[in-house]
Amino acid sequence: MTRSKKQPLRKCVVTQEMVPKQQLIRVVRNKEGEVFVDDTGKKNGRGAYLTKDIHVIEQAEKQQVLNRHLKAKIDTSIYEELKAKVKAETS
């Protein structure tokens, strides 16, 4: 009898839904205060997860959700990078 591996769940900071980690994008603030998109999901630092949906990313930008969760000023280039990643995955 094979045992299936447990799927790690994370909460989207905008929708507040628990979703499998692979369906989310992680944004990280490290100790130096740099904020960046974590493609691997394993970088050190404070992380926040967003659902891979363009509307969710736009809502996060409008409501400044990442600013609060990461306790840092999020540059618009981060949101542009997130939108580009989502568009690339859906096409």
Foldseek 3Di string as FASTA:
>chain_A
DDDDDDFDWDAALQPRDTDGPVQKWKWFQAPVRDIATDPVVDDDGQIHIHGLDLVRLVVCVVVVSVCVRRVHDDDVVRSVVSVVVSVVVVD
